[in-house]
Amino acid sequence: MSSATETARLIETYYATFNAGDREAMLALLTEDVVHDINQGASEVGRETFRAFLQRMDRSYREEVTELAVMTHPDGSRAAAEFYILGTYLQTDEGLPPATGQTYRLRVGAFFDIREGRVARVTNYYNLEDWLRQVGA
């Protein structure tokens, strides 16, 4: 198990690589069998499935994490993060309103399971209705 300090550092690095657009470094922080619980959607399993998710997201959105706060379980096995995502809706995502370059700012919560120093589960939550309002749906 990781310590709480190591886990906090892992989550901070996860978001730093996200902000830097370094998807390979981000994926390297995940277990091969990572579980990704998508906001108000399905759970997906596996690093390669997560890669495909990131590719789809990168086509439709440009996002940056700001105001990151990380909380950890004392034994380092779990973590939570709260932050704001600043984004631009670049290309229409299937089943969502048309993209015209709208910008948005959302409060997000994320929850993590940590195994052997890597992210084994990430669950993201945000207010979809707020996002839809912000992009003019």
Protein backbone atom coordinates (compact mmCIF):
# COMPACT_ATOMS: atom_id res chain seq x y z
CA MET A 1 0.00 0.00 0.00
CA SER A 2 1.04 3.57 -0.61
CA SER A 3 1.23 6.14 2.13
CA ALA A 4 -1.23 9.02 2.17
CA THR A 5 1.57 11.35 1.03
CA GLU A 6 2.51 9.10 -1.90
CA THR A 7 -1.13 8.79 -2.89
CA ALA A 8 -1.63 12.56 -2.79
CA ARG A 9 1.45 12.97 -4.98
CA LEU A 10 0.09 10.35 -7.41
CA ILE A 11 -3.23 12.18 -7.78
CA GLU A 12 -1.49 15.55 -8.18
CA THR A 13 0.71 14.00 -10.89
CA TYR A 14 -2.36 12.48 -12.57
CA TYR A 15 -3.90 15.92 -12.96
CA ALA A 16 -0.60 17.60 -13.87
CA THR A 17 -0.17 15.15 -16.77
CA PHE A 18 -3.80 15.77 -17.75
CA ASN A 19 -3.20 19.53 -17.85
CA ALA A 20 0.05 19.06 -19.79
CA GLY A 21 -1.76 16.94 -22.39
CA ASP A 22 0.72 14.10 -21.75
CA ARG A 23 -1.69 11.22 -22.17
CA GLU A 24 1.04 8.54 -22.17
CA ALA A 25 2.37 9.75 -18.80
CA MET A 26 -1.18 9.86 -17.49
CA LEU A 27 -1.92 6.32 -18.68
CA ALA A 28 1.30 5.07 -17.07
CA LEU A 29 -0.18 6.04 -13.68
CA LEU A 30 -3.03 3.53 -14.13
CA THR A 31 -3.19 -0.20 -13.47
CA GLU A 32 -3.75 -2.38 -16.56
CA ASP A 33 -7.22 -3.25 -15.23
CA VAL A 34 -8.21 0.26 -14.15
CA VAL A 35 -11.94 0.79 -13.68
CA HIS A 36 -13.22 4.12 -15.02
CA ASP A 37 -16.68 5.13 -13.81
CA ILE A 38 -17.83 7.77 -16.27
CA ASN A 39 -20.05 10.56 -14.97
CA GLN A 40 -23.69 9.46 -15.22
CA GLY A 41 -22.61 6.62 -17.49
CA ALA A 42 -21.12 3.18 -17.68
CA SER A 43 -18.04 1.72 -16.07
CA GLU A 44 -15.21 0.83 -18.43
CA VAL A 45 -12.30 -1.46 -17.63
CA GLY A 46 -8.71 -1.40 -18.84
CA ARG A 47 -5.94 1.03 -19.66
CA GLU A 48 -6.51 0.73 -23.42
CA THR A 49 -10.22 1.48 -23.00
CA PHE A 50 -9.24 4.53 -20.95
CA ARG A 51 -6.86 5.58 -23.77
CA ALA A 52 -9.77 5.43 -26.26
CA PHE A 53 -11.91 7.51 -23.87
CA LEU A 54 -9.18 10.17 -23.64
CA GLN A 55 -8.82 10.27 -27.42
CA ARG A 56 -12.56 10.86 -27.81
CA MET A 57 -12.51 13.54 -25.14
CA ASP A 58 -9.51 15.29 -26.70
CA ARG A 59 -11.36 15.52 -30.03
CA SER A 60 -14.36 17.26 -28.49
CA TYR A 61 -13.00 19.17 -25.49
CA ARG A 62 -10.00 21.21 -24.37
CA GLU A 63 -9.94 21.17 -20.57
CA GLU A 64 -7.76 22.26 -17.69
CA VAL A 65 -8.00 21.31 -14.02
CA THR A 66 -7.74 24.25 -11.60
CA GLU A 67 -8.06 24.72 -7.84
CA LEU A 68 -7.21 21.08 -7.15
CA ALA A 69 -7.75 19.79 -3.60
CA VAL A 70 -6.69 16.19 -2.84
CA MET A 71 -7.82 14.19 0.18
CA THR A 72 -6.47 10.75 1.05
CA HIS A 73 -7.26 7.85 3.34
CA PRO A 74 -4.57 7.55 6.02
CA ASP A 75 -3.32 4.23 4.57
CA GLY A 76 -3.14 5.65 1.03
CA SER A 77 -5.56 3.11 -0.44
CA ARG A 78 -8.14 5.70 -1.51
CA ALA A 79 -8.26 9.34 -2.47
CA ALA A 80 -10.72 12.01 -3.47
CA ALA A 81 -10.19 15.20 -5.40
CA GLU A 82 -12.27 18.30 -5.88
CA PHE A 83 -11.45 20.81 -8.58
CA TYR A 84 -12.82 23.02 -11.29
CA ILE A 85 -12.55 22.10 -14.92
CA LEU A 86 -12.18 25.00 -17.32
CA GLY A 87 -13.12 23.86 -20.77
CA THR A 88 -13.92 24.64 -24.36
CA TYR A 89 -16.37 22.50 -26.31
CA LEU A 90 -14.56 22.06 -29.63
CA GLN A 91 -16.41 19.41 -31.62
CA THR A 92 -19.90 17.97 -31.14
CA ASP A 93 -19.83 14.87 -28.94
CA GLU A 94 -22.33 12.15 -29.83
CA GLY A 95 -25.71 12.66 -28.16
CA LEU A 96 -24.84 16.14 -26.89
CA PRO A 97 -25.65 19.65 -28.14
CA PRO A 98 -23.73 21.10 -31.11
CA ALA A 99 -20.27 22.45 -30.31
CA THR A 100 -19.51 26.02 -31.31
CA GLY A 101 -16.50 26.74 -29.13
CA GLN A 102 -18.55 27.30 -25.96
CA THR A 103 -16.58 27.67 -22.74
CA TYR A 104 -17.55 26.25 -19.37
CA ARG A 105 -16.45 26.02 -15.75
CA LEU A 106 -17.57 23.01 -13.72
CA ARG A 107 -16.98 21.81 -10.17
CA VAL A 108 -15.89 18.17 -10.31
CA GLY A 109 -15.44 15.45 -7.70
CA ALA A 110 -13.29 12.40 -8.36
CA PHE A 111 -12.70 9.28 -6.30
CA PHE A 112 -9.79 6.88 -6.60
CA ASP A 113 -8.74 3.42 -5.48
CA ILE A 114 -4.96 2.97 -5.34
CA ARG A 115 -3.17 -0.35 -5.78
CA GLU A 116 0.61 -0.81 -5.77
CA GLY A 117 1.20 2.90 -6.34
CA ARG A 118 -1.14 3.22 -9.33
CA VAL A 119 -4.71 4.30 -9.91
CA ALA A 120 -6.94 1.20 -10.00
CA ARG A 121 -10.28 3.05 -10.13
CA VAL A 122 -11.32 6.58 -10.99
CA THR A 123 -14.90 7.77 -10.62
CA ASN A 124 -15.83 11.27 -11.81
CA TYR A 125 -18.88 13.32 -10.88
CA TYR A 126 -20.06 16.68 -12.14
CA ASN A 127 -23.37 18.38 -12.70
CA LEU A 128 -24.33 17.53 -16.29
CA GLU A 129 -27.32 19.88 -16.18
CA ASP A 130 -24.97 22.75 -15.29
CA TRP A 131 -22.69 21.84 -18.22
CA LEU A 132 -25.67 21.72 -20.59
CA ARG A 133 -26.83 25.12 -19.36
CA GLN A 134 -23.36 26.57 -19.87
CA VAL A 135 -23.05 25.29 -23.45
CA GLY A 136 -26.52 26.61 -24.28
CA ALA A 137 -28.48 23.40 -24.58
